[in-house]
Amino acid sequence: MRPILLQGHERSLTQIKYNRDGDLLFSCSKDHVINVWYTHNGERLGTYDGHNGTVWTVDVDSESKFLVSGSADNQLRLWNVATGKCLYTWEFPTAVKRVAFSEDDKQVVCITEQRMGYQCTIRVFNISRTGDGSKQSKEPAHIFNPVGSKATVCAFTSQSNMIFTGHESGKVALFNFKTGEEVDSNERAHGDVVTDLQMSPDKTYCITSSKDKSARIHDTKTLDVIKTFITETPLNSAAIAPNKPYVLLGGGQEAMSVTTTSLRQGKFETRFWHKVFEEEVGRVKGHFGPINTIAVHPKGISYASGGEDGFVRVHHFDDSYFKTQPYGDLQIED
């Protein structure tokens, strides 16, 4: 598996995202730039310039028509994917830490940071898809403040009006965004801050990663923990591989404490775990710093990781990956 090295950022990566077709990869980092790349050869297609602070988060709709991004300059921006033009900007009192499109592309959820007397706020905007997309409503359709620990990650679920959230205290919760009420929560889902949340393709379950060195698979309706993957390093990201029973975990000692730990722990590998048996099945080395974000191609043919070192590495899986029998002689239809 020879990785394709994408060198388009001067500072550490914050999030990477494949589009629905898997032919484009979006990356954002602390250098204020959002890049888009061709996944098959790693060629850079273009940039989305305009943010004036760390871009914490991006998401792209299912048609690859609109891109949304959230940044430390307190802005949520809507972009035209094809032209790189910024179509609309929403301003907030604090930084935008997470954005996500809904399944039908008609709504965007965003989390703003708890800072300077402002509470952590979750807003849902209706996105108008008519015309060129530059006529958006300034006000959110729904807005609420989650009580207790601040939310760090969120995503729409398969149930209508419901979003799944992960929090700083390690709890996960379900909110009805129309009423703002917490419908259900699991306070002890994790023992430390939830760093990433990625949905399964059908949104019936999701995976979360945490600084408590574990990743967990949750049922999105009941919040039951279905599987747990415990590693020896704080995790920053977790992704689900489609068509194969694997999950990919990435993390590493914080850059500032690396010198105080053994070399093996300072090695920054993407870990492959068997989703069903909860066993580690392999590792891929490569990054010179903690892995901040991982994404898997929607067809499961490749994966990408973005690190503290400013590089994105795209790995196209070898034949051996597709030929392995993850359940021994047992043939299971996915």
C-alpha atoms as a PDB file:
ATOM      1  CA  MET A   1       0.000   0.000   0.000  1.00  0.00           C
ATOM      2  CA  ARG A   2       2.021   2.970  -1.187  1.00  0.00           C
ATOM      3  CA  PRO A   3       0.466   6.061   0.312  1.00  0.00           C
ATOM      4  CA  ILE A   4      -0.152   9.191  -1.707  1.00  0.00           C
ATOM      5  CA  LEU A   5       1.197  12.124   0.283  1.00  0.00           C
ATOM      6  CA  LEU A   6      -0.942  15.241   0.019  1.00  0.00           C
ATOM      7  CA  GLN A   7       1.126  18.321   0.858  1.00  0.00           C
ATOM      8  CA  GLY A   8      -1.202  21.264   0.844  1.00  0.00           C
ATOM      9  CA  HIS A   9      -1.252  22.442   4.446  1.00  0.00           C
ATOM     10  CA  GLU A  10       1.348  24.276   6.487  1.00  0.00           C
ATOM     11  CA  ARG A  11      -0.168  23.354   9.842  1.00  0.00           C
ATOM     12  CA  SER A  12      -1.882  20.406  11.477  1.00  0.00           C
ATOM     13  CA  LEU A  13      -4.995  18.870   9.955  1.00  0.00           C
ATOM     14  CA  THR A  14      -8.299  19.215  11.784  1.00  0.00           C
ATOM     15  CA  GLN A  15     -10.735  17.206   9.630  1.00  0.00           C
ATOM     16  CA  ILE A  16     -10.842  15.349   6.317  1.00  0.00           C
ATOM     17  CA  LYS A  17     -13.964  14.253   4.478  1.00  0.00           C
ATOM     18  CA  TYR A  18     -14.719  12.212   1.354  1.00  0.00           C
ATOM     19  CA  ASN A  19     -17.686  13.205  -0.778  1.00  0.00           C
ATOM     20  CA  ARG A  20     -20.521  10.729  -1.433  1.00  0.00           C
ATOM     21  CA  ASP A  21     -18.959   9.440  -4.681  1.00  0.00           C
ATOM     22  CA  GLY A  22     -15.522   9.147  -3.114  1.00  0.00           C
ATOM     23  CA  ASP A  23     -13.739  10.909  -5.982  1.00  0.00           C
ATOM     24  CA  LEU A  24     -12.982  14.029  -3.920  1.00  0.00           C
ATOM     25  CA  LEU A  25     -11.338  14.505  -0.542  1.00  0.00           C
ATOM     26  CA  PHE A  26     -11.740  17.726   1.437  1.00  0.00           C
ATOM     27  CA  SER A  27      -9.188  18.690   4.057  1.00  0.00           C
ATOM     28  CA  CYS A  28      -9.024  21.599   6.493  1.00  0.00           C
ATOM     29  CA  SER A  29      -6.348  22.636   8.917  1.00  0.00           C
ATOM     30  CA  LYS A  30      -5.057  25.240  11.347  1.00  0.00           C
ATOM     31  CA  ASP A  31      -3.588  27.266   8.464  1.00  0.00           C
ATOM     32  CA  HIS A  32      -7.002  28.762   7.532  1.00  0.00           C
ATOM     33  CA  VAL A  33      -7.152  26.880   4.200  1.00  0.00           C
ATOM     34  CA  ILE A  34      -9.580  24.239   2.930  1.00  0.00           C
ATOM     35  CA  ASN A  35      -8.234  22.041   0.138  1.00  0.00           C
ATOM     36  CA  VAL A  36      -9.969  19.636  -2.216  1.00  0.00           C
ATOM     37  CA  TRP A  37      -8.100  16.728  -3.836  1.00  0.00           C
ATOM     38  CA  TYR A  38      -8.718  14.025  -6.402  1.00  0.00           C
ATOM     39  CA  THR A  39      -8.611  10.789  -4.403  1.00  0.00           C
ATOM     40  CA  HIS A  40      -7.384   8.501  -7.182  1.00  0.00           C
ATOM     41  CA  ASN A  41      -4.091  10.301  -7.766  1.00  0.00           C
ATOM     42  CA  GLY A  42      -3.775  12.903  -5.001  1.00  0.00           C
ATOM     43  CA  GLU A  43      -3.868  15.889  -7.346  1.00  0.00           C
ATOM     44  CA  ARG A  44      -5.017  19.106  -5.742  1.00  0.00           C
ATOM     45  CA  LEU A  45      -8.115  20.442  -7.411  1.00  0.00           C
ATOM     46  CA  GLY A  46      -8.313  23.760  -5.607  1.00  0.00           C
ATOM     47  CA  THR A  47      -8.717  25.687  -2.380  1.00  0.00           C
ATOM     48  CA  TYR A  48     -11.507  27.490  -0.570  1.00  0.00           C
ATOM     49  CA  ASP A  49     -10.026  30.750   0.684  1.00  0.00           C
ATOM     50  CA  GLY A  50     -11.764  33.163   2.996  1.00  0.00           C
ATOM     51  CA  HIS A  51     -11.541  31.957   6.587  1.00  0.00           C
ATOM     52  CA  ASN A  52      -9.373  33.965   8.919  1.00  0.00           C
ATOM     53  CA  GLY A  53      -8.629  31.396  11.597  1.00  0.00           C
ATOM     54  CA  THR A  54      -8.219  27.674  12.152  1.00  0.00           C
ATOM     55  CA  VAL A  55     -10.796  25.793  10.092  1.00  0.00           C
ATOM     56  CA  TRP A  56     -12.026  23.181  12.562  1.00  0.00           C
ATOM     57  CA  THR A  57     -14.552  21.330  10.485  1.00  0.00           C
ATOM     58  CA  VAL A  58     -15.951  20.727   6.998  1.00  0.00           C
ATOM     59  CA  ASP A  59     -18.773  18.732   5.452  1.00  0.00           C
ATOM     60  CA  VAL A  60     -19.951  18.261   1.878  1.00  0.00           C
ATOM     61  CA  ASP A  61     -23.458  17.437   0.685  1.00  0.00           C
ATOM     62  CA  SER A  62     -24.408  14.261  -1.171  1.00  0.00           C
ATOM     63  CA  GLU A  63     -24.378  15.935  -4.605  1.00  0.00           C
ATOM     64  CA  SER A  64     -20.983  17.588  -4.072  1.00  0.00           C
ATOM     65  CA  LYS A  65     -22.703  20.893  -4.795  1.00  0.00           C
ATOM     66  CA  PHE A  66     -22.264  22.692  -1.469  1.00  0.00           C
ATOM     67  CA  LEU A  67     -19.549  22.581   1.162  1.00  0.00           C
ATOM     68  CA  VAL A  68     -19.903  23.967   4.687  1.00  0.00           C
ATOM     69  CA  SER A  69     -17.037  24.880   6.964  1.00  0.00           C
ATOM     70  CA  GLY A  70     -16.682  26.101  10.529  1.00  0.00           C
ATOM     71  CA  SER A  71     -13.768  28.101  11.817  1.00  0.00           C
ATOM     72  CA  ALA A  72     -12.130  29.792  14.804  1.00  0.00           C
ATOM     73  CA  ASP A  73     -12.920  33.138  13.149  1.00  0.00           C
ATOM     74  CA  ASN A  74     -16.481  32.542  14.470  1.00  0.00           C
ATOM     75  CA  GLN A  75     -17.875  31.932  10.995  1.00  0.00           C
ATOM     76  CA  LEU A  76     -19.852  29.203   9.310  1.00  0.00           C
ATOM     77  CA  ARG A  77     -19.408  29.406   5.545  1.00  0.00           C
ATOM     78  CA  LEU A  78     -21.254  27.857   2.621  1.00  0.00           C
ATOM     79  CA  TRP A  79     -19.183  27.247  -0.513  1.00  0.00           C
ATOM     80  CA  ASN A  80     -19.811  26.233  -4.097  1.00  0.00           C
ATOM     81  CA  VAL A  81     -17.762  23.038  -4.413  1.00  0.00           C
ATOM     82  CA  ALA A  82     -17.121  23.390  -8.156  1.00  0.00           C
ATOM     83  CA  THR A  83     -16.054  27.042  -8.250  1.00  0.00           C
ATOM     84  CA  GLY A  84     -14.617  27.620  -4.775  1.00  0.00           C
ATOM     85  CA  LYS A  85     -16.830  30.673  -4.334  1.00  0.00           C
ATOM     86  CA  CYS A  86     -18.102  31.504  -0.856  1.00  0.00           C
ATOM     87  CA  LEU A  87     -21.891  31.718  -1.165  1.00  0.00           C
ATOM     88  CA  TYR A  88     -22.880  32.731   2.348  1.00  0.00           C
ATOM     89  CA  THR A  89     -21.330  33.490   5.729  1.00  0.00           C
ATOM     90  CA  TRP A  90     -22.972  33.185   9.138  1.00  0.00           C
ATOM     91  CA  GLU A  91     -21.332  35.025  12.049  1.00  0.00           C
ATOM     92  CA  PHE A  92     -21.378  33.831  15.677  1.00  0.00           C
ATOM     93  CA  PRO A  93     -20.003  35.089  18.989  1.00  0.00           C
ATOM     94  CA  THR A  94     -17.635  32.094  19.355  1.00  0.00           C
ATOM     95  CA  ALA A  95     -15.755  29.544  17.243  1.00  0.00           C
ATOM     96  CA  VAL A  96     -17.552  26.883  15.187  1.00  0.00           C
ATOM     97  CA  LYS A  97     -16.236  23.457  16.216  1.00  0.00           C
ATOM     98  CA  ARG A  98     -18.362  21.034  14.215  1.00  0.00           C
ATOM     99  CA  VAL A  99     -20.652  21.123  11.176  1.00  0.00           C
ATOM    100  CA  ALA A 100     -22.661  18.400   9.450  1.00  0.00           C
ATOM    101  CA  PHE A 101     -25.192  18.125   6.630  1.00  0.00           C
ATOM    102  CA  SER A 102     -28.449  16.218   7.079  1.00  0.00           C
ATOM    103  CA  GLU A 103     -29.221  13.158   4.950  1.00  0.00           C
ATOM    104  CA  ASP A 104     -31.417  15.174   2.566  1.00  0.00           C
ATOM    105  CA  ASP A 105     -28.881  18.067   2.351  1.00  0.00           C
ATOM    106  CA  LYS A 106     -31.569  20.544   3.396  1.00  0.00           C
ATOM    107  CA  GLN A 107     -30.186  21.262   6.861  1.00  0.00           C
ATOM    108  CA  VAL A 108     -26.847  21.917   8.510  1.00  0.00           C
ATOM    109  CA  VAL A 109     -26.133  21.487  12.212  1.00  0.00           C
ATOM    110  CA  CYS A 110     -23.314  23.404  13.868  1.00  0.00           C
ATOM    111  CA  ILE A 111     -21.797  23.535  17.342  1.00  0.00           C
ATOM    112  CA  THR A 112     -20.304  26.768  18.630  1.00  0.00           C
ATOM    113  CA  GLU A 113     -17.741  26.844  21.407  1.00  0.00           C
ATOM    114  CA  GLN A 114     -18.420  27.711  25.027  1.00  0.00           C
ATOM    115  CA  ARG A 115     -16.270  30.821  25.580  1.00  0.00           C
ATOM    116  CA  MET A 116     -16.185  34.292  27.094  1.00  0.00           C
ATOM    117  CA  GLY A 117     -19.507  34.030  28.866  1.00  0.00           C
ATOM    118  CA  TYR A 118     -21.263  32.379  25.919  1.00  0.00           C
ATOM    119  CA  GLN A 119     -22.682  28.898  26.349  1.00  0.00           C
ATOM    120  CA  CYS A 120     -22.054  26.029  23.990  1.00  0.00           C
ATOM    121  CA  THR A 121     -24.821  26.345  21.385  1.00  0.00           C
ATOM    122  CA  ILE A 122     -26.199  23.966  18.778  1.00  0.00           C
ATOM    123  CA  ARG A 123     -27.884  25.558  15.778  1.00  0.00           C
ATOM    124  CA  VAL A 124     -29.677  23.972  12.851  1.00  0.00           C
ATOM    125  CA  PHE A 125     -29.929  25.997   9.637  1.00  0.00           C
ATOM    126  CA  ASN A 126     -32.233  25.329   6.715  1.00  0.00           C
ATOM    127  CA  ILE A 127     -30.188  25.391   3.514  1.00  0.00           C
ATOM    128  CA  SER A 128     -31.915  26.748   0.429  1.00  0.00           C
ATOM    129  CA  ARG A 129     -30.753  24.768  -2.619  1.00  0.00           C
ATOM    130  CA  THR A 130     -32.450  26.949  -5.220  1.00  0.00           C
ATOM    131  CA  GLY A 131     -30.459  29.158  -7.573  1.00  0.00           C
ATOM    132  CA  ASP A 132     -26.766  29.515  -6.839  1.00  0.00           C
ATOM    133  CA  GLY A 133     -27.286  29.058  -3.089  1.00  0.00           C
ATOM    134  CA  SER A 134     -26.262  32.566  -2.084  1.00  0.00           C
ATOM    135  CA  LYS A 135     -29.709  33.428  -0.703  1.00  0.00           C
ATOM    136  CA  GLN A 136     -29.741  31.803   2.736  1.00  0.00           C
ATOM    137  CA  SER A 137     -31.615  32.787   5.862  1.00  0.00           C
ATOM    138  CA  LYS A 138     -29.420  34.473   8.434  1.00  0.00           C
ATOM    139  CA  GLU A 139     -31.286  33.080  11.439  1.00  0.00           C
ATOM    140  CA  PRO A 140     -31.131  29.419  12.465  1.00  0.00           C
ATOM    141  CA  ALA A 141     -34.314  27.355  12.119  1.00  0.00           C
ATOM    142  CA  HIS A 142     -33.603  25.828  15.537  1.00  0.00           C
ATOM    143  CA  ILE A 143     -31.262  26.819  18.342  1.00  0.00           C
ATOM    144  CA  PHE A 144     -30.632  25.406  21.811  1.00  0.00           C
ATOM    145  CA  ASN A 145     -27.990  25.118  24.524  1.00  0.00           C
ATOM    146  CA  PRO A 146     -27.212  21.594  25.711  1.00  0.00           C
ATOM    147  CA  VAL A 147     -27.335  21.530  29.511  1.00  0.00           C
ATOM    148  CA  GLY A 148     -24.256  20.376  31.421  1.00  0.00           C
ATOM    149  CA  SER A 149     -21.054  19.389  29.640  1.00  0.00           C
ATOM    150  CA  LYS A 150     -20.418  21.173  26.336  1.00  0.00           C
ATOM    151  CA  ALA A 151     -20.943  19.305  23.066  1.00  0.00           C
ATOM    152  CA  THR A 152     -17.848  18.619  20.954  1.00  0.00           C
ATOM    153  CA  VAL A 153     -19.225  16.561  18.047  1.00  0.00           C
ATOM    154  CA  CYS A 154     -22.640  15.983  16.474  1.00  0.00           C
ATOM    155  CA  ALA A 155     -24.425  14.412  13.527  1.00  0.00           C
ATOM    156  CA  PHE A 156     -27.952  13.923  12.215  1.00  0.00           C
ATOM    157  CA  THR A 157     -29.438  10.470  12.835  1.00  0.00           C
ATOM    158  CA  SER A 158     -31.913   8.415  10.804  1.00  0.00           C
ATOM    159  CA  GLN A 159     -34.763   9.548  13.073  1.00  0.00           C
ATOM    160  CA  SER A 160     -36.379  12.811  12.105  1.00  0.00           C
ATOM    161  CA  ASN A 161     -35.511  15.895  14.168  1.00  0.00           C
ATOM    162  CA  MET A 162     -32.875  13.993  16.135  1.00  0.00           C
ATOM    163  CA  ILE A 163     -29.175  14.692  16.432  1.00  0.00           C
ATOM    164  CA  PHE A 164     -26.552  12.563  18.140  1.00  0.00           C
ATOM    165  CA  THR A 165     -23.971  14.471  20.201  1.00  0.00           C
ATOM    166  CA  GLY A 166     -20.707  13.679  21.959  1.00  0.00           C
ATOM    167  CA  HIS A 167     -19.575  15.819  24.886  1.00  0.00           C
ATOM    168  CA  GLU A 168     -16.489  17.006  26.722  1.00  0.00           C
ATOM    169  CA  SER A 169     -17.310  14.900  29.780  1.00  0.00           C
ATOM    170  CA  GLY A 170     -17.450  11.718  27.673  1.00  0.00           C
ATOM    171  CA  LYS A 171     -21.227  11.485  27.524  1.00  0.00           C
ATOM    172  CA  VAL A 172     -23.210  10.895  24.358  1.00  0.00           C
ATOM    173  CA  ALA A 173     -26.772  12.107  23.951  1.00  0.00           C
ATOM    174  CA  LEU A 174     -29.724  12.359  21.597  1.00  0.00           C
ATOM    175  CA  PHE A 175     -31.367  15.756  21.208  1.00  0.00           C
ATOM    176  CA  ASN A 176     -34.612  16.692  19.548  1.00  0.00           C
ATOM    177  CA  PHE A 177     -33.411  19.854  17.838  1.00  0.00           C
ATOM    178  CA  LYS A 178     -36.951  21.197  17.314  1.00  0.00           C
ATOM    179  CA  THR A 179     -37.672  21.312  21.042  1.00  0.00           C
ATOM    180  CA  GLY A 180     -34.054  21.408  22.259  1.00  0.00           C
ATOM    181  CA  GLU A 181     -34.742  18.651  24.769  1.00  0.00           C
ATOM    182  CA  GLU A 182     -32.291  15.884  25.592  1.00  0.00           C
ATOM    183  CA  VAL A 183     -34.263  12.778  24.697  1.00  0.00           C
ATOM    184  CA  ASP A 184     -31.715  10.266  25.931  1.00  0.00           C
ATOM    185  CA  SER A 185     -28.158  10.206  27.199  1.00  0.00           C
ATOM    186  CA  ASN A 186     -25.404   7.863  28.276  1.00  0.00           C
ATOM    187  CA  GLU A 187     -23.321   9.801  30.799  1.00  0.00           C
ATOM    188  CA  ARG A 188     -20.571   7.216  30.986  1.00  0.00           C
ATOM    189  CA  ALA A 189     -20.117   6.384  27.314  1.00  0.00           C
ATOM    190  CA  HIS A 190     -16.505   7.582  27.594  1.00  0.00           C
ATOM    191  CA  GLY A 191     -14.263   8.638  30.457  1.00  0.00           C
ATOM    192  CA  ASP A 192     -12.890  11.736  28.729  1.00  0.00           C
ATOM    193  CA  VAL A 193     -13.680  14.174  25.912  1.00  0.00           C
ATOM    194  CA  VAL A 194     -15.312  12.676  22.796  1.00  0.00           C
ATOM    195  CA  THR A 195     -13.010  13.599  19.898  1.00  0.00           C
ATOM    196  CA  ASP A 196     -14.797  12.222  16.849  1.00  0.00           C
ATOM    197  CA  LEU A 197     -18.122  10.820  15.724  1.00  0.00           C
ATOM    198  CA  GLN A 198     -18.792   9.041  12.433  1.00  0.00           C
ATOM    199  CA  MET A 199     -22.046   7.425  11.366  1.00  0.00           C
ATOM    200  CA  SER A 200     -22.428   4.032   9.732  1.00  0.00           C
ATOM    201  CA  PRO A 201     -23.698   4.222   6.128  1.00  0.00           C
ATOM    202  CA  ASP A 202     -27.297   3.492   7.224  1.00  0.00           C
ATOM    203  CA  LYS A 203     -27.006   5.657  10.380  1.00  0.00           C
ATOM    204  CA  THR A 204     -28.244   2.844  12.650  1.00  0.00           C
ATOM    205  CA  TYR A 205     -24.994   2.877  14.598  1.00  0.00           C
ATOM    206  CA  CYS A 206     -22.020   5.189  14.943  1.00  0.00           C
ATOM    207  CA  ILE A 207     -18.478   5.148  16.247  1.00  0.00           C
ATOM    208  CA  THR A 208     -16.978   7.616  18.702  1.00  0.00           C
ATOM    209  CA  SER A 209     -13.350   8.095  19.708  1.00  0.00           C
ATOM    210  CA  SER A 210     -12.119   9.647  22.917  1.00  0.00           C
ATOM    211  CA  LYS A 211      -9.096  10.871  24.815  1.00  0.00           C
ATOM    212  CA  ASP A 212      -9.834   8.029  27.264  1.00  0.00           C
ATOM    213  CA  LYS A 213      -7.947   5.803  24.761  1.00  0.00           C
ATOM    214  CA  SER A 214     -11.033   3.942  23.604  1.00  0.00           C
ATOM    215  CA  ALA A 215     -13.428   3.968  20.679  1.00  0.00           C
ATOM    216  CA  ARG A 216     -16.981   2.712  20.980  1.00  0.00           C
ATOM    217  CA  ILE A 217     -19.793   1.739  18.655  1.00  0.00           C
ATOM    218  CA  HIS A 218     -23.210   2.970  19.809  1.00  0.00           C
ATOM    219  CA  ASP A 219     -26.731   2.208  18.706  1.00  0.00           C
ATOM    220  CA  THR A 220     -28.069   5.575  17.515  1.00  0.00           C
ATOM    221  CA  LYS A 221     -31.618   4.926  18.777  1.00  0.00           C
ATOM    222  CA  THR A 222     -30.966   3.448  22.222  1.00  0.00           C
ATOM    223  CA  LEU A 223     -27.416   4.768  22.844  1.00  0.00           C
ATOM    224  CA  ASP A 224     -26.381   1.268  23.942  1.00  0.00           C
ATOM    225  CA  VAL A 225     -22.658   0.615  23.615  1.00  0.00           C
ATOM    226  CA  ILE A 226     -22.412  -2.297  21.183  1.00  0.00           C
ATOM    227  CA  LYS A 227     -18.627  -2.657  20.849  1.00  0.00           C
ATOM    228  CA  THR A 228     -15.580  -1.230  22.624  1.00  0.00           C
ATOM    229  CA  PHE A 229     -12.032  -0.936  21.264  1.00  0.00           C
ATOM    230  CA  ILE A 230      -9.411  -0.121  23.902  1.00  0.00           C
ATOM    231  CA  THR A 231      -5.985   1.108  22.783  1.00  0.00           C
ATOM    232  CA  GLU A 232      -2.955   2.420  24.684  1.00  0.00           C
ATOM    233  CA  THR A 233      -3.001   5.947  23.307  1.00  0.00           C
ATOM    234  CA  PRO A 234      -5.477   8.848  23.340  1.00  0.00           C
ATOM    235  CA  LEU A 235      -7.646   8.664  20.200  1.00  0.00           C
ATOM    236  CA  ASN A 236      -8.501  11.626  18.001  1.00  0.00           C
ATOM    237  CA  SER A 237     -10.511   9.898  15.295  1.00  0.00           C
ATOM    238  CA  ALA A 238     -12.394   6.712  14.449  1.00  0.00           C
ATOM    239  CA  ALA A 239     -13.961   5.593  11.175  1.00  0.00           C
ATOM    240  CA  ILE A 240     -16.024   2.640   9.981  1.00  0.00           C
ATOM    241  CA  ALA A 241     -14.855   0.736   6.888  1.00  0.00           C
ATOM    242  CA  PRO A 242     -17.764  -0.114   4.572  1.00  0.00           C
ATOM    243  CA  ASN A 243     -18.000  -3.666   3.119  1.00  0.00           C
ATOM    244  CA  LYS A 244     -15.473  -5.028   5.636  1.00  0.00           C
ATOM    245  CA  PRO A 245     -15.873  -5.621   9.374  1.00  0.00           C
ATOM    246  CA  TYR A 246     -13.155  -3.164  10.360  1.00  0.00           C
ATOM    247  CA  VAL A 247     -12.898   0.123  12.167  1.00  0.00           C
ATOM    248  CA  LEU A 248      -9.934   2.474  11.815  1.00  0.00           C
ATOM    249  CA  LEU A 249      -8.613   4.339  14.841  1.00  0.00           C
ATOM    250  CA  GLY A 250      -6.077   7.138  14.942  1.00  0.00           C
ATOM    251  CA  GLY A 251      -4.476   9.205  17.643  1.00  0.00           C
ATOM    252  CA  GLY A 252      -1.237   9.466  19.583  1.00  0.00           C
ATOM    253  CA  GLN A 253       0.328  11.158  22.557  1.00  0.00           C
ATOM    254  CA  GLU A 254      -0.173  14.908  22.478  1.00  0.00           C
ATOM    255  CA  ALA A 255       2.756  16.454  20.608  1.00  0.00           C
ATOM    256  CA  MET A 256       3.941  18.237  23.743  1.00  0.00           C
ATOM    257  CA  SER A 257       4.226  15.062  25.822  1.00  0.00           C
ATOM    258  CA  VAL A 258       5.763  12.800  23.173  1.00  0.00           C
ATOM    259  CA  THR A 259       9.334  13.148  24.447  1.00  0.00           C
ATOM    260  CA  THR A 260       8.336  11.754  27.839  1.00  0.00           C
ATOM    261  CA  THR A 261       7.033   8.438  26.504  1.00  0.00           C
ATOM    262  CA  SER A 262       8.567   5.382  24.879  1.00  0.00           C
ATOM    263  CA  LEU A 263       9.184   5.339  21.145  1.00  0.00           C
ATOM    264  CA  ARG A 264       6.488   2.785  20.415  1.00  0.00           C
ATOM    265  CA  GLN A 265       3.814   5.014  21.900  1.00  0.00           C
ATOM    266  CA  GLY A 266       5.157   7.986  20.003  1.00  0.00           C
ATOM    267  CA  LYS A 267       4.786   6.075  16.741  1.00  0.00           C
ATOM    268  CA  PHE A 268       1.711   7.367  15.076  1.00  0.00           C
ATOM    269  CA  GLU A 269      -0.158   4.555  13.432  1.00  0.00           C
ATOM    270  CA  THR A 270      -3.603   4.036  12.056  1.00  0.00           C
ATOM    271  CA  ARG A 271      -4.956   1.022  13.893  1.00  0.00           C
ATOM    272  CA  PHE A 272      -7.308  -1.439  12.223  1.00  0.00           C
ATOM    273  CA  TRP A 273      -9.628  -3.277  14.607  1.00  0.00           C
ATOM    274  CA  HIS A 274     -12.053  -6.065  13.851  1.00  0.00           C
ATOM    275  CA  LYS A 275     -15.457  -4.495  14.355  1.00  0.00           C
ATOM    276  CA  VAL A 276     -17.151  -7.689  15.549  1.00  0.00           C
ATOM    277  CA  PHE A 277     -14.408  -9.511  17.486  1.00  0.00           C
ATOM    278  CA  GLU A 278     -12.984  -6.325  19.070  1.00  0.00           C
ATOM    279  CA  GLU A 279      -9.418  -7.365  18.234  1.00  0.00           C
ATOM    280  CA  GLU A 280      -6.682  -5.304  16.650  1.00  0.00           C
ATOM    281  CA  VAL A 281      -5.811  -6.756  13.246  1.00  0.00           C
ATOM    282  CA  GLY A 282      -3.184  -4.396  11.885  1.00  0.00           C
ATOM    283  CA  ARG A 283      -1.462  -1.028  11.922  1.00  0.00           C
ATOM    284  CA  VAL A 284      -0.247   1.370   9.266  1.00  0.00           C
ATOM    285  CA  LYS A 285       2.648   3.652  10.141  1.00  0.00           C
ATOM    286  CA  GLY A 286       3.394   6.921   8.463  1.00  0.00           C
ATOM    287  CA  HIS A 287       2.684  10.157  10.292  1.00  0.00           C
ATOM    288  CA  PHE A 288       5.325  12.109  12.228  1.00  0.00           C
ATOM    289  CA  GLY A 289       2.818  13.335  14.767  1.00  0.00           C
ATOM    290  CA  PRO A 290      -0.542  12.352  16.230  1.00  0.00           C
ATOM    291  CA  ILE A 291      -3.239  11.422  13.732  1.00  0.00           C
ATOM    292  CA  ASN A 292      -6.017  13.999  14.057  1.00  0.00           C
ATOM    293  CA  THR A 293      -8.570  12.760  11.562  1.00  0.00           C
ATOM    294  CA  ILE A 294      -9.372   9.619   9.567  1.00  0.00           C
ATOM    295  CA  ALA A 295     -11.861   9.056   6.749  1.00  0.00           C
ATOM    296  CA  VAL A 296     -12.678   5.970   4.707  1.00  0.00           C
ATOM    297  CA  HIS A 297     -13.726   5.998   1.042  1.00  0.00           C
ATOM    298  CA  PRO A 298     -17.519   5.415   0.861  1.00  0.00           C
ATOM    299  CA  LYS A 299     -16.939   2.314  -1.284  1.00  0.00           C
ATOM    300  CA  GLY A 300     -14.267   1.044   1.114  1.00  0.00           C
ATOM    301  CA  ILE A 301     -11.472   1.016  -1.492  1.00  0.00           C
ATOM    302  CA  SER A 302      -9.145   3.461   0.246  1.00  0.00           C
ATOM    303  CA  TYR A 303      -8.705   5.511   3.388  1.00  0.00           C
ATOM    304  CA  ALA A 304      -7.035   8.791   4.286  1.00  0.00           C
ATOM    305  CA  SER A 305      -5.511  10.132   7.485  1.00  0.00           C
ATOM    306  CA  GLY A 306      -4.571  13.686   8.422  1.00  0.00           C
ATOM    307  CA  GLY A 307      -1.935  14.361  11.036  1.00  0.00           C
ATOM    308  CA  GLU A 308      -0.436  16.940  13.339  1.00  0.00           C
ATOM    309  CA  ASP A 309       2.468  16.930  10.838  1.00  0.00           C
ATOM    310  CA  GLY A 310       0.382  18.768   8.225  1.00  0.00           C
ATOM    311  CA  PHE A 311       0.229  15.852   5.779  1.00  0.00           C
ATOM    312  CA  VAL A 312      -2.731  13.899   4.466  1.00  0.00           C
ATOM    313  CA  ARG A 313      -1.864  10.333   3.498  1.00  0.00           C
ATOM    314  CA  VAL A 314      -4.217   8.509   1.133  1.00  0.00           C
ATOM    315  CA  HIS A 315      -3.887   4.720   1.086  1.00  0.00           C
ATOM    316  CA  HIS A 316      -5.504   2.640  -1.643  1.00  0.00           C
ATOM    317  CA  PHE A 317      -6.025  -0.844  -0.246  1.00  0.00           C
ATOM    318  CA  ASP A 318      -4.075  -3.717  -1.789  1.00  0.00           C
ATOM    319  CA  ASP A 319      -5.683  -6.858  -3.171  1.00  0.00           C
ATOM    320  CA  SER A 320      -4.754  -8.686   0.018  1.00  0.00           C
ATOM    321  CA  TYR A 321      -7.105  -6.426   1.984  1.00  0.00           C
ATOM    322  CA  PHE A 322     -10.067  -7.470  -0.177  1.00  0.00           C
ATOM    323  CA  LYS A 323      -9.035 -11.141  -0.276  1.00  0.00           C
ATOM    324  CA  THR A 324      -8.693 -11.644   3.470  1.00  0.00           C
ATOM    325  CA  GLN A 325     -11.365 -13.679   5.191  1.00  0.00           C
ATOM    326  CA  PRO A 326     -12.196 -11.662   8.277  1.00  0.00           C
ATOM    327  CA  TYR A 327     -14.366 -14.479   9.649  1.00  0.00           C
ATOM    328  CA  GLY A 328     -12.134 -17.398   8.661  1.00  0.00           C
ATOM    329  CA  ASP A 329     -13.950 -19.824   6.363  1.00  0.00           C
ATOM    330  CA  LEU A 330     -17.299 -18.282   7.152  1.00  0.00           C
ATOM    331  CA  GLN A 331     -18.723 -16.262   4.272  1.00  0.00           C
ATOM    332  CA  ILE A 332     -20.893 -13.403   5.452  1.00  0.00           C
ATOM    333  CA  GLU A 333     -22.881 -11.099   3.206  1.00  0.00           C
ATOM    334  CA  ASP A 334     -22.391  -7.517   4.326  1.00  0.00           C
END
